[in-house]
Amino acid sequence: TRHSGYAVSQRIRKRIEEAFGWIKTVAGQDKTGFRGRDRVGWAFIFAAAAYNLVRLPKLLAVPT
């Protein structure tokens, strides 16, 4: 915790954890209704794509 890289790591970690938190709560992936690795994997990919679509307007916004 004493080096500058730690602070950078924590900022990046927060950004990553926000995505997983959104996927679990909003996209309903906290307890999946699917069985099998393939179906659960596709459900996660679909939820991650939805998260990216939700973020897209904010990422494309032009700062004033």
PDB file of N, CA and C in Angstrom:
ATOM      1  N   THR A   1       0.822  -1.204   0.000  1.00  0.00           N
ATOM      2  CA  THR A   1       0.000   0.000   0.000  1.00  0.00           C
ATOM      3  C   THR A   1       0.860   1.260   0.000  1.00  0.00           C
ATOM      4  N   ARG A   2       2.161   1.085   0.002  1.00  0.00           N
ATOM      5  CA  ARG A   2       3.037   2.254   0.105  1.00  0.00           C
ATOM      6  C   ARG A   2       3.565   2.742  -1.228  1.00  0.00           C
ATOM      7  N   HIS A   3       3.219   2.088  -2.308  1.00  0.00           N
ATOM      8  CA  HIS A   3       3.752   2.542  -3.591  1.00  0.00           C
ATOM      9  C   HIS A   3       2.635   3.120  -4.450  1.00  0.00           C
ATOM     10  N   SER A   4       3.015   3.889  -5.437  1.00  0.00           N
ATOM     11  CA  SER A   4       2.032   4.603  -6.253  1.00  0.00           C
ATOM     12  C   SER A   4       1.199   3.661  -7.111  1.00  0.00           C
ATOM     13  N   GLY A   5       1.750   2.520  -7.464  1.00  0.00           N
ATOM     14  CA  GLY A   5       1.019   1.561  -8.281  1.00  0.00           C
ATOM     15  C   GLY A   5      -0.202   0.997  -7.575  1.00  0.00           C
ATOM     16  N   TYR A   6      -0.185   0.966  -6.257  1.00  0.00           N
ATOM     17  CA  TYR A   6      -1.308   0.435  -5.497  1.00  0.00           C
ATOM     18  C   TYR A   6      -2.548   1.302  -5.684  1.00  0.00           C
ATOM     19  N   ALA A   7      -2.390   2.599  -5.646  1.00  0.00           N
ATOM     20  CA  ALA A   7      -3.516   3.515  -5.831  1.00  0.00           C
ATOM     21  C   ALA A   7      -4.106   3.355  -7.232  1.00  0.00           C
ATOM     22  N   VAL A   8      -3.251   3.202  -8.217  1.00  0.00           N
ATOM     23  CA  VAL A   8      -3.723   2.988  -9.589  1.00  0.00           C
ATOM     24  C   VAL A   8      -4.498   1.681  -9.656  1.00  0.00           C
ATOM     25  N   SER A   9      -3.959   0.650  -9.036  1.00  0.00           N
ATOM     26  CA  SER A   9      -4.603  -0.661  -9.030  1.00  0.00           C
ATOM     27  C   SER A   9      -5.987  -0.599  -8.387  1.00  0.00           C
ATOM     28  N   GLN A  10      -6.142   0.156  -7.339  1.00  0.00           N
ATOM     29  CA  GLN A  10      -7.432   0.264  -6.661  1.00  0.00           C
ATOM     30  C   GLN A  10      -8.469   0.982  -7.521  1.00  0.00           C
ATOM     31  N   ARG A  11      -8.051   2.001  -8.278  1.00  0.00           N
ATOM     32  CA  ARG A  11      -8.977   2.691  -9.174  1.00  0.00           C
ATOM     33  C   ARG A  11      -9.447   1.761 -10.285  1.00  0.00           C
ATOM     34  N   ILE A  12      -8.518   1.018 -10.849  1.00  0.00           N
ATOM     35  CA  ILE A  12      -8.881   0.083 -11.918  1.00  0.00           C
ATOM     36  C   ILE A  12      -9.768  -1.026 -11.362  1.00  0.00           C
ATOM     37  N   ARG A  13      -9.444  -1.509 -10.170  1.00  0.00           N
ATOM     38  CA  ARG A  13     -10.241  -2.575  -9.552  1.00  0.00           C
ATOM     39  C   ARG A  13     -11.680  -2.120  -9.324  1.00  0.00           C
ATOM     40  N   LYS A  14     -11.862  -0.884  -8.886  1.00  0.00           N
ATOM     41  CA  LYS A  14     -13.215  -0.369  -8.660  1.00  0.00           C
ATOM     42  C   LYS A  14     -14.016  -0.391  -9.956  1.00  0.00           C
ATOM     43  N   ARG A  15     -13.391   0.001 -11.071  1.00  0.00           N
ATOM     44  CA  ARG A  15     -14.063   0.006 -12.366  1.00  0.00           C
ATOM     45  C   ARG A  15     -14.473  -1.406 -12.776  1.00  0.00           C
ATOM     46  N   ILE A  16     -13.623  -2.383 -12.533  1.00  0.00           N
ATOM     47  CA  ILE A  16     -13.921  -3.769 -12.878  1.00  0.00           C
ATOM     48  C   ILE A  16     -15.039  -4.301 -11.984  1.00  0.00           C
ATOM     49  N   GLU A  17     -14.951  -4.039 -10.692  1.00  0.00           N
ATOM     50  CA  GLU A  17     -15.947  -4.539  -9.745  1.00  0.00           C
ATOM     51  C   GLU A  17     -17.322  -3.931 -10.000  1.00  0.00           C
ATOM     52  N   GLU A  18     -17.379  -2.697 -10.484  1.00  0.00           N
ATOM     53  CA  GLU A  18     -18.668  -2.085 -10.810  1.00  0.00           C
ATOM     54  C   GLU A  18     -19.380  -2.877 -11.899  1.00  0.00           C
ATOM     55  N   ALA A  19     -18.639  -3.325 -12.882  1.00  0.00           N
ATOM     56  CA  ALA A  19     -19.236  -4.105 -13.972  1.00  0.00           C
ATOM     57  C   ALA A  19     -19.800  -5.418 -13.441  1.00  0.00           C
ATOM     58  N   PHE A  20     -19.022  -6.131 -12.641  1.00  0.00           N
ATOM     59  CA  PHE A  20     -19.508  -7.402 -12.101  1.00  0.00           C
ATOM     60  C   PHE A  20     -20.688  -7.187 -11.164  1.00  0.00           C
ATOM     61  N   GLY A  21     -20.666  -6.107 -10.386  1.00  0.00           N
ATOM     62  CA  GLY A  21     -21.790  -5.805  -9.513  1.00  0.00           C
ATOM     63  C   GLY A  21     -23.057  -5.533 -10.303  1.00  0.00           C
ATOM     64  N   TRP A  22     -22.938  -4.785 -11.407  1.00  0.00           N
ATOM     65  CA  TRP A  22     -24.097  -4.503 -12.252  1.00  0.00           C
ATOM     66  C   TRP A  22     -24.634  -5.790 -12.856  1.00  0.00           C
ATOM     67  N   ILE A  23     -23.741  -6.633 -13.332  1.00  0.00           N
ATOM     68  CA  ILE A  23     -24.160  -7.891 -13.949  1.00  0.00           C
ATOM     69  C   ILE A  23     -24.897  -8.764 -12.935  1.00  0.00           C
ATOM     70  N   LYS A  24     -24.429  -8.773 -11.704  1.00  0.00           N
ATOM     71  CA  LYS A  24     -25.069  -9.618 -10.693  1.00  0.00           C
ATOM     72  C   LYS A  24     -26.413  -9.059 -10.245  1.00  0.00           C
ATOM     73  N   THR A  25     -26.524  -7.753 -10.092  1.00  0.00           N
ATOM     74  CA  THR A  25     -27.764  -7.195  -9.557  1.00  0.00           C
ATOM     75  C   THR A  25     -28.775  -6.881 -10.651  1.00  0.00           C
ATOM     76  N   VAL A  26     -28.397  -6.047 -11.587  1.00  0.00           N
ATOM     77  CA  VAL A  26     -29.340  -5.580 -12.598  1.00  0.00           C
ATOM     78  C   VAL A  26     -29.636  -6.663 -13.627  1.00  0.00           C
ATOM     79  N   ALA A  27     -28.604  -7.361 -14.085  1.00  0.00           N
ATOM     80  CA  ALA A  27     -28.787  -8.364 -15.134  1.00  0.00           C
ATOM     81  C   ALA A  27     -29.243  -9.714 -14.572  1.00  0.00           C
ATOM     82  N   GLY A  28     -29.356  -9.820 -13.267  1.00  0.00           N
ATOM     83  CA  GLY A  28     -29.898 -11.035 -12.666  1.00  0.00           C
ATOM     84  C   GLY A  28     -28.989 -12.244 -12.717  1.00  0.00           C
ATOM     85  N   GLN A  29     -27.691 -12.017 -12.715  1.00  0.00           N
ATOM     86  CA  GLN A  29     -26.762 -13.141 -12.781  1.00  0.00           C
ATOM     87  C   GLN A  29     -26.237 -13.550 -11.410  1.00  0.00           C
ATOM     88  N   ASP A  30     -26.851 -13.041 -10.346  1.00  0.00           N
ATOM     89  CA  ASP A  30     -26.410 -13.460  -9.013  1.00  0.00           C
ATOM     90  C   ASP A  30     -26.748 -14.926  -8.773  1.00  0.00           C
ATOM     91  N   LYS A  31     -27.866 -15.368  -9.312  1.00  0.00           N
ATOM     92  CA  LYS A  31     -28.219 -16.786  -9.252  1.00  0.00           C
ATOM     93  C   LYS A  31     -28.826 -17.142 -10.602  1.00  0.00           C
ATOM     94  N   THR A  32     -28.028 -17.729 -11.429  1.00  0.00           N
ATOM     95  CA  THR A  32     -28.463 -18.004 -12.792  1.00  0.00           C
ATOM     96  C   THR A  32     -29.490 -19.124 -12.831  1.00  0.00           C
ATOM     97  N   GLY A  33     -30.331 -19.047 -13.804  1.00  0.00           N
ATOM     98  CA  GLY A  33     -31.349 -20.075 -13.974  1.00  0.00           C
ATOM     99  C   GLY A  33     -30.932 -21.149 -14.962  1.00  0.00           C
ATOM    100  N   PHE A  34     -29.687 -21.065 -15.426  1.00  0.00           N
ATOM    101  CA  PHE A  34     -29.208 -22.005 -16.416  1.00  0.00           C
ATOM    102  C   PHE A  34     -28.332 -23.073 -15.784  1.00  0.00           C
ATOM    103  N   ARG A  35     -28.244 -24.193 -16.464  1.00  0.00           N
ATOM    104  CA  ARG A  35     -27.330 -25.253 -16.041  1.00  0.00           C
ATOM    105  C   ARG A  35     -26.370 -25.519 -17.183  1.00  0.00           C
ATOM    106  N   GLY A  36     -25.164 -25.808 -16.805  1.00  0.00           N
ATOM    107  CA  GLY A  36     -24.155 -26.108 -17.806  1.00  0.00           C
ATOM    108  C   GLY A  36     -23.268 -24.914 -18.084  1.00  0.00           C
ATOM    109  N   ARG A  37     -22.025 -25.235 -18.321  1.00  0.00           N
ATOM    110  CA  ARG A  37     -21.025 -24.198 -18.522  1.00  0.00           C
ATOM    111  C   ARG A  37     -21.316 -23.333 -19.750  1.00  0.00           C
ATOM    112  N   ASP A  38     -21.734 -23.950 -20.827  1.00  0.00           N
ATOM    113  CA  ASP A  38     -21.976 -23.197 -22.060  1.00  0.00           C
ATOM    114  C   ASP A  38     -23.118 -22.201 -21.902  1.00  0.00           C
ATOM    115  N   ARG A  39     -24.226 -22.646 -21.334  1.00  0.00           N
ATOM    116  CA  ARG A  39     -25.375 -21.740 -21.195  1.00  0.00           C
ATOM    117  C   ARG A  39     -25.099 -20.618 -20.210  1.00  0.00           C
ATOM    118  N   VAL A  40     -24.449 -20.937 -19.109  1.00  0.00           N
ATOM    119  CA  VAL A  40     -24.110 -19.895 -18.138  1.00  0.00           C
ATOM    120  C   VAL A  40     -23.120 -18.916 -18.755  1.00  0.00           C
ATOM    121  N   GLY A  41     -22.183 -19.434 -19.526  1.00  0.00           N
ATOM    122  CA  GLY A  41     -21.214 -18.570 -20.197  1.00  0.00           C
ATOM    123  C   GLY A  41     -21.865 -17.618 -21.169  1.00  0.00           C
ATOM    124  N   TRP A  42     -22.804 -18.133 -21.966  1.00  0.00           N
ATOM    125  CA  TRP A  42     -23.499 -17.271 -22.912  1.00  0.00           C
ATOM    126  C   TRP A  42     -24.363 -16.238 -22.194  1.00  0.00           C
ATOM    127  N   ALA A  43     -24.977 -16.628 -21.083  1.00  0.00           N
ATOM    128  CA  ALA A  43     -25.788 -15.671 -20.322  1.00  0.00           C
ATOM    129  C   ALA A  43     -24.909 -14.545 -19.782  1.00  0.00           C
ATOM    130  N   PHE A  44     -23.698 -14.901 -19.335  1.00  0.00           N
ATOM    131  CA  PHE A  44     -22.780 -13.881 -18.829  1.00  0.00           C
ATOM    132  C   PHE A  44     -22.320 -12.955 -19.949  1.00  0.00           C
ATOM    133  N   ILE A  45     -21.994 -13.519 -21.095  1.00  0.00           N
ATOM    134  CA  ILE A  45     -21.568 -12.699 -22.233  1.00  0.00           C
ATOM    135  C   ILE A  45     -22.684 -11.746 -22.647  1.00  0.00           C
ATOM    136  N   PHE A  46     -23.908 -12.244 -22.677  1.00  0.00           N
ATOM    137  CA  PHE A  46     -25.049 -11.409 -23.023  1.00  0.00           C
ATOM    138  C   PHE A  46     -25.215 -10.274 -22.011  1.00  0.00           C
ATOM    139  N   ALA A  47     -25.067 -10.583 -20.723  1.00  0.00           N
ATOM    140  CA  ALA A  47     -25.196  -9.560 -19.682  1.00  0.00           C
ATOM    141  C   ALA A  47     -24.064  -8.541 -19.784  1.00  0.00           C
ATOM    142  N   ALA A  48     -22.848  -8.991 -20.083  1.00  0.00           N
ATOM    143  CA  ALA A  48     -21.720  -8.069 -20.227  1.00  0.00           C
ATOM    144  C   ALA A  48     -21.924  -7.153 -21.437  1.00  0.00           C
ATOM    145  N   ALA A  49     -22.472  -7.693 -22.518  1.00  0.00           N
ATOM    146  CA  ALA A  49     -22.762  -6.869 -23.689  1.00  0.00           C
ATOM    147  C   ALA A  49     -23.821  -5.817 -23.351  1.00  0.00           C
ATOM    148  N   ALA A  50     -24.817  -6.208 -22.578  1.00  0.00           N
ATOM    149  CA  ALA A  50     -25.851  -5.258 -22.158  1.00  0.00           C
ATOM    150  C   ALA A  50     -25.240  -4.149 -21.303  1.00  0.00           C
ATOM    151  N   TYR A  51     -24.316  -4.501 -20.427  1.00  0.00           N
ATOM    152  CA  TYR A  51     -23.641  -3.502 -19.595  1.00  0.00           C
ATOM    153  C   TYR A  51     -22.871  -2.520 -20.472  1.00  0.00           C
ATOM    154  N   ASN A  52     -22.194  -3.042 -21.497  1.00  0.00           N
ATOM    155  CA  ASN A  52     -21.459  -2.164 -22.399  1.00  0.00           C
ATOM    156  C   ASN A  52     -22.403  -1.224 -23.150  1.00  0.00           C
ATOM    157  N   LEU A  53     -23.570  -1.715 -23.538  1.00  0.00           N
ATOM    158  CA  LEU A  53     -24.540  -0.860 -24.218  1.00  0.00           C
ATOM    159  C   LEU A  53     -25.076   0.229 -23.288  1.00  0.00           C
ATOM    160  N   VAL A  54     -25.231  -0.106 -22.021  1.00  0.00           N
ATOM    161  CA  VAL A  54     -25.689   0.890 -21.043  1.00  0.00           C
ATOM    162  C   VAL A  54     -24.624   1.963 -20.865  1.00  0.00           C
ATOM    163  N   ARG A  55     -23.355   1.581 -20.876  1.00  0.00           N
ATOM    164  CA  ARG A  55     -22.252   2.529 -20.683  1.00  0.00           C
ATOM    165  C   ARG A  55     -21.947   3.357 -21.920  1.00  0.00           C
ATOM    166  N   LEU A  56     -22.351   2.874 -23.083  1.00  0.00           N
ATOM    167  CA  LEU A  56     -21.958   3.495 -24.344  1.00  0.00           C
ATOM    168  C   LEU A  56     -22.269   4.988 -24.446  1.00  0.00           C
ATOM    169  N   PRO A  57     -23.462   5.464 -24.100  1.00  0.00           N
ATOM    170  CA  PRO A  57     -23.715   6.909 -24.206  1.00  0.00           C
ATOM    171  C   PRO A  57     -22.760   7.749 -23.356  1.00  0.00           C
ATOM    172  N   LYS A  58     -22.424   7.255 -22.191  1.00  0.00           N
ATOM    173  CA  LYS A  58     -21.504   8.000 -21.325  1.00  0.00           C
ATOM    174  C   LYS A  58     -20.094   8.010 -21.917  1.00  0.00           C
ATOM    175  N   LEU A  59     -19.710   6.913 -22.528  1.00  0.00           N
ATOM    176  CA  LEU A  59     -18.372   6.847 -23.123  1.00  0.00           C
ATOM    177  C   LEU A  59     -18.263   7.719 -24.373  1.00  0.00           C
ATOM    178  N   LEU A  60     -19.359   7.859 -25.106  1.00  0.00           N
ATOM    179  CA  LEU A  60     -19.345   8.643 -26.340  1.00  0.00           C
ATOM    180  C   LEU A  60     -19.626  10.125 -26.111  1.00  0.00           C
ATOM    181  N   ALA A  61     -20.041  10.496 -24.900  1.00  0.00           N
ATOM    182  CA  ALA A  61     -20.370  11.893 -24.608  1.00  0.00           C
ATOM    183  C   ALA A  61     -19.124  12.774 -24.787  1.00  0.00           C
ATOM    184  N   VAL A  62     -19.352  13.910 -25.413  1.00  0.00           N
ATOM    185  CA  VAL A  62     -18.267  14.865 -25.634  1.00  0.00           C
ATOM    186  C   VAL A  62     -18.185  15.786 -24.433  1.00  0.00           C
ATOM    187  N   PRO A  63     -17.031  15.829 -23.768  1.00  0.00           N
ATOM    188  CA  PRO A  63     -16.909  16.732 -22.608  1.00  0.00           C
ATOM    189  C   PRO A  63     -16.964  18.189 -23.045  1.00  0.00           C
ATOM    190  N   THR A  64     -17.647  19.002 -22.263  1.00  0.00           N
ATOM    191  CA  THR A  64     -17.776  20.432 -22.597  1.00  0.00           C
ATOM    192  C   THR A  64     -16.767  21.255 -21.858  1.00  0.00           C
TER     193      THR A  64
END
